[in-house]
Protein backbone atom coordinates (compact mmCIF):
# COMPACT_ATOMS: atom_id res chain seq x y z
CA UNK A 1 48.07 -45.22 55.68
CA UNK A 2 49.96 -41.93 55.47
CA UNK A 3 49.83 -40.29 52.06
CA UNK A 4 52.93 -39.15 50.30
CA UNK A 5 52.90 -35.38 50.06
CA UNK A 6 52.51 -34.05 46.54
CA UNK A 7 54.59 -30.94 46.03
CA UNK A 8 51.87 -28.69 44.70
CA UNK A 9 50.56 -25.28 45.64
CA UNK A 10 51.79 -23.71 48.84
CA UNK A 11 54.01 -26.62 49.86
CA UNK A 12 55.76 -26.59 46.51
CA UNK A 13 56.49 -22.89 46.97
CA UNK A 14 57.85 -23.47 50.49
CA UNK A 15 60.08 -26.27 49.19
CA UNK A 16 61.56 -24.07 46.49
CA UNK A 17 62.24 -21.21 48.90
CA UNK A 18 63.80 -23.49 51.52
CA UNK A 19 66.07 -24.83 48.79
CA UNK A 20 67.16 -21.26 48.02
CA UNK A 21 67.95 -20.65 51.69
CA UNK A 22 69.83 -23.95 51.81
CA UNK A 23 71.95 -23.00 48.81
CA UNK A 24 72.79 -19.70 50.45
CA UNK A 25 73.55 -21.51 53.72
CA UNK A 26 76.05 -23.93 52.15
CA UNK A 27 77.83 -20.97 50.54
CA UNK A 28 77.61 -18.77 53.64
CA UNK A 29 79.80 -15.68 53.67
CA UNK A 30 79.21 -14.59 57.29
CA UNK A 31 82.55 -15.91 58.59
CA UNK A 32 81.20 -16.34 62.12
CA UNK A 33 83.57 -17.12 65.01
CA UNK A 34 83.36 -20.32 66.99
CA UNK A 35 82.12 -22.60 64.20
CA UNK A 36 83.63 -25.21 61.89
CA UNK A 37 83.22 -23.88 58.36
CA UNK A 38 85.74 -25.07 55.80
CA UNK A 39 84.15 -26.35 52.56
CA UNK A 40 87.52 -27.48 51.18
CA UNK A 41 87.77 -29.94 54.07
CA UNK A 42 84.08 -30.90 54.03
CA UNK A 43 82.93 -28.79 56.98
CA UNK A 44 79.61 -27.40 55.71
CA UNK A 45 76.60 -25.70 57.30
CA UNK A 46 73.84 -28.30 57.36
CA UNK A 47 70.76 -29.78 59.06
CA UNK A 48 68.25 -27.65 57.17
CA UNK A 49 65.81 -30.19 55.73
CA UNK A 50 62.15 -29.94 54.72
CA UNK A 51 60.96 -33.53 55.08
CA UNK A 52 57.84 -34.28 53.07
CA UNK A 53 58.25 -37.89 51.92
CA UNK A 54 55.64 -40.16 53.54
CA UNK A 55 54.23 -37.25 55.53
CA UNK A 56 50.61 -36.11 55.51
CA UNK A 57 49.54 -32.99 53.65
CA UNK A 58 48.50 -31.05 56.76
CA UNK A 59 49.73 -30.61 60.32
CA UNK A 60 53.34 -29.59 59.82
CA UNK A 61 55.96 -28.76 62.44
CA UNK A 62 59.35 -27.08 62.74
CA UNK A 63 61.90 -28.95 64.86
CA UNK A 64 64.83 -26.78 65.91
CA UNK A 65 68.06 -27.72 67.65
CA UNK A 66 70.87 -25.49 68.87
CA UNK A 67 73.39 -26.40 66.14
CA UNK A 68 74.53 -29.56 64.32
CA UNK A 69 76.71 -32.13 65.97
CA UNK A 70 80.26 -32.51 64.73
CA UNK A 71 80.45 -34.28 61.40
CA UNK A 72 82.45 -37.48 61.03
CA UNK A 73 85.11 -38.23 58.43
CA UNK A 74 82.65 -40.18 56.25
CA UNK A 75 80.32 -37.20 55.92
CA UNK A 76 83.13 -34.76 55.22
CA UNK A 77 84.64 -37.08 52.59
CA UNK A 78 81.22 -37.41 50.98
CA UNK A 79 81.02 -33.67 50.35
CA UNK A 80 84.60 -33.43 49.15
CA UNK A 81 84.14 -36.31 46.70
CA UNK A 82 80.58 -35.65 45.53
CA UNK A 83 80.28 -31.89 45.62
CA UNK A 84 79.86 -29.24 48.29
CA UNK A 85 76.26 -28.33 47.51
CA UNK A 86 72.91 -28.16 49.28
CA UNK A 87 71.64 -31.06 47.16
CA UNK A 88 74.45 -33.20 48.57
CA UNK A 89 73.65 -32.08 52.13
CA UNK A 90 70.05 -33.23 51.61
CA UNK A 91 71.19 -36.44 49.95
CA UNK A 92 73.53 -37.34 52.78
CA UNK A 93 70.84 -36.61 55.37
CA UNK A 94 68.36 -38.88 53.58
CA UNK A 95 70.80 -41.76 53.11
CA UNK A 96 72.81 -41.64 56.33
CA UNK A 97 71.31 -39.39 59.01
CA UNK A 98 67.52 -39.35 59.08
CA UNK A 99 67.19 -42.70 60.90
CA UNK A 100 69.48 -41.68 63.74
CA UNK A 101 68.00 -41.61 67.23
CA UNK A 102 67.70 -37.81 67.34
CA UNK A 103 65.43 -37.76 64.28
CA UNK A 104 63.47 -40.95 64.85
CA UNK A 105 62.56 -40.07 68.43
CA UNK A 106 61.52 -36.52 67.56
CA UNK A 107 59.46 -37.77 64.63
CA UNK A 108 57.67 -40.14 66.99
CA UNK A 109 57.11 -37.22 69.36
CA UNK A 110 55.44 -34.91 66.81
CA UNK A 111 53.44 -37.76 65.27
CA UNK A 112 51.98 -38.63 68.66
CA UNK A 113 51.18 -34.98 69.29
CA UNK A 114 49.02 -35.24 66.17
CA UNK A 115 51.30 -33.39 63.75
CA UNK A 116 51.85 -35.93 60.99
CA UNK A 117 52.56 -33.43 58.19
CA UNK A 118 55.81 -32.02 56.78
CA UNK A 119 58.71 -31.38 59.15
CA UNK A 120 61.20 -28.56 58.78
CA UNK A 121 64.35 -29.73 60.54
CA UNK A 122 66.55 -26.77 61.40
CA UNK A 123 69.03 -25.30 63.89
CA UNK A 124 69.66 -21.92 65.52
CA UNK A 125 73.20 -22.04 64.13
CA UNK A 126 73.84 -24.04 60.98
CA UNK A 127 77.50 -24.89 61.59
CA UNK A 128 78.92 -27.27 64.17
CA UNK A 129 81.23 -26.15 66.97
CA UNK A 130 84.79 -25.25 66.11
CA UNK A 131 85.81 -27.01 69.33
CA UNK A 132 83.92 -30.00 70.69
CA UNK A 133 81.91 -29.08 73.75
CA UNK A 134 82.39 -25.33 73.31
CA UNK A 135 79.39 -23.48 71.92
CA UNK A 136 79.81 -20.55 69.50
CA UNK A 137 79.59 -17.02 70.95
CA UNK A 138 76.23 -15.32 71.31
CA UNK A 139 76.90 -13.02 68.36
CA UNK A 140 77.17 -16.04 66.06
CA UNK A 141 73.69 -17.11 67.18
CA UNK A 142 72.37 -13.60 66.57
CA UNK A 143 73.83 -13.39 63.06
CA UNK A 144 72.89 -16.91 61.99
CA UNK A 145 69.28 -16.78 63.21
CA UNK A 146 68.81 -13.40 61.55
CA UNK A 147 70.32 -14.65 58.27
CA UNK A 148 68.61 -18.03 58.05
CA UNK A 149 66.08 -19.03 60.70
CA UNK A 150 64.02 -15.85 60.45
CA UNK A 151 63.80 -16.29 56.68
CA UNK A 152 62.82 -19.95 57.06
CA UNK A 153 60.04 -19.26 59.52
CA UNK A 154 58.75 -16.46 57.34
CA UNK A 155 57.79 -19.19 54.87
CA UNK A 156 56.12 -21.52 57.37
CA UNK A 157 52.42 -21.26 58.37
CA UNK A 158 51.94 -19.82 61.85
CA UNK A 159 50.00 -22.85 63.06
CA UNK A 160 53.01 -25.13 62.58
CA UNK A 161 54.40 -25.42 66.12
CA UNK A 162 58.07 -24.85 66.79
CA UNK A 163 59.53 -27.82 68.66
CA UNK A 164 62.52 -26.53 70.61
CA UNK A 165 65.04 -29.24 71.45
CA UNK A 166 66.63 -28.26 74.75
CA UNK A 167 66.20 -25.40 77.19
CA UNK A 168 68.41 -22.84 75.46
CA UNK A 169 66.60 -23.31 72.15
CA UNK A 170 63.25 -23.09 73.92
CA UNK A 171 64.10 -19.72 75.45
CA UNK A 172 65.54 -18.40 72.20
CA UNK A 173 62.46 -19.31 70.15
CA UNK A 174 59.98 -18.19 72.81
CA UNK A 175 61.59 -14.74 72.99
CA UNK A 176 62.21 -14.34 69.27
CA UNK A 177 58.88 -15.61 67.86
CA UNK A 178 56.10 -14.62 70.29
CA UNK A 179 53.31 -15.25 67.78
CA UNK A 180 54.30 -18.88 67.26
CA UNK A 181 53.47 -22.01 69.23
CA UNK A 182 56.70 -23.06 70.95
CA UNK A 183 56.92 -26.48 72.59
CA UNK A 184 60.13 -27.10 74.49
CA UNK A 185 61.47 -30.58 75.23
CA UNK A 186 64.58 -31.99 76.89
CA UNK A 187 67.30 -32.85 74.41
CA UNK A 188 66.81 -36.28 72.89
CA UNK A 189 70.32 -37.43 73.75
CA UNK A 190 70.76 -35.33 76.88
CA UNK A 191 72.95 -36.66 79.68
CA UNK A 192 70.06 -37.08 82.13
CA UNK A 193 67.89 -39.07 79.73
CA UNK A 194 64.75 -37.03 80.36
CA UNK A 195 63.35 -37.07 76.82
CA UNK A 196 62.45 -40.82 76.82
CA UNK A 197 60.54 -40.21 80.06
CA UNK A 198 57.89 -38.37 78.03
CA UNK A 199 56.86 -41.84 76.83
CA UNK A 200 55.48 -44.89 78.61
CA UNK A 201 57.00 -48.37 78.48
CA UNK A 202 55.23 -49.04 75.18
CA UNK A 203 56.79 -45.98 73.55
CA UNK A 204 53.55 -43.98 73.63
CA UNK A 205 53.57 -40.32 74.62
CA UNK A 206 51.85 -39.82 77.96
CA UNK A 207 48.33 -38.53 77.41
CA UNK A 208 48.88 -35.42 79.57
CA UNK A 209 51.28 -34.13 76.89
CA UNK A 210 48.81 -34.52 74.03
CA UNK A 211 47.36 -31.03 73.81
CA UNK A 212 45.08 -30.04 70.91
CA UNK A 213 46.47 -27.27 68.71
CA UNK A 214 43.50 -24.97 69.41
CA UNK A 215 44.63 -24.79 73.05
CA UNK A 216 48.02 -23.55 71.95
CA UNK A 217 47.18 -21.13 69.14
CA UNK A 218 44.30 -18.67 68.94
CA UNK A 219 44.71 -17.94 65.23
CA UNK A 220 47.15 -15.09 65.78
CA UNK A 221 49.38 -15.71 68.79
CA UNK A 222 50.83 -18.92 70.16
CA UNK A 223 51.70 -20.16 73.63
CA UNK A 224 55.12 -21.27 74.80
CA UNK A 225 55.12 -24.41 76.95
CA UNK A 226 57.84 -26.65 78.34
CA UNK A 227 57.38 -30.41 78.58
CA UNK A 228 58.91 -31.20 81.95
CA UNK A 229 59.79 -34.89 81.65
CA UNK A 230 61.38 -35.03 85.10
CA UNK A 231 58.09 -34.19 86.80
CA UNK A 232 55.90 -35.31 83.87
CA UNK A 233 54.04 -32.02 83.66
CA UNK A 234 53.64 -29.01 81.38
CA UNK A 235 54.78 -25.60 82.50
């Protein structure tokens, strides 16, 4: 049975520092183009969560997407009515978002890789698109990752792999963090449905994808690998 993580020692320190970054994130002053940021209307930066409940003490991971999906009216109303704070972002995630397919499938993925510890859920850019289907400009990614993601990963042990959700995130993390393990996967809800093909009919990750951590990290530098679900191989 998985133990509930006790927030003591190093993990407690990481939690406190992530909370500080989250508070800064919700009150961001960067004014980046191409993103939906309007606290008065409930458009907040979000999807920065350190999940420790019901996770093991060791074997953590960082799961990174490109940026949050567009929020719905219920989520925006929640922030307007209950307070536009990082605590409310975490609260809404726990009560309404964490069981969505994106999170449940990725949690299954890292668990079956053998990483049953804490998960830092994060994004390259913390705000959703200003226009549906139109990604923010490259400069927004540069500013946001410098402001937030770099600070986040500075807190996280090097042997926590970075799970990159989608090809663009994989390339960004592999270039930006060469000393980290980077594992790239197809997007969970991608149009071609490749991510579920990493698993067999029983929902178990194919054995060929279950690599031990010591093959990916030599104690200083990490490898970058892509899980090619179409051809069921690693490259």
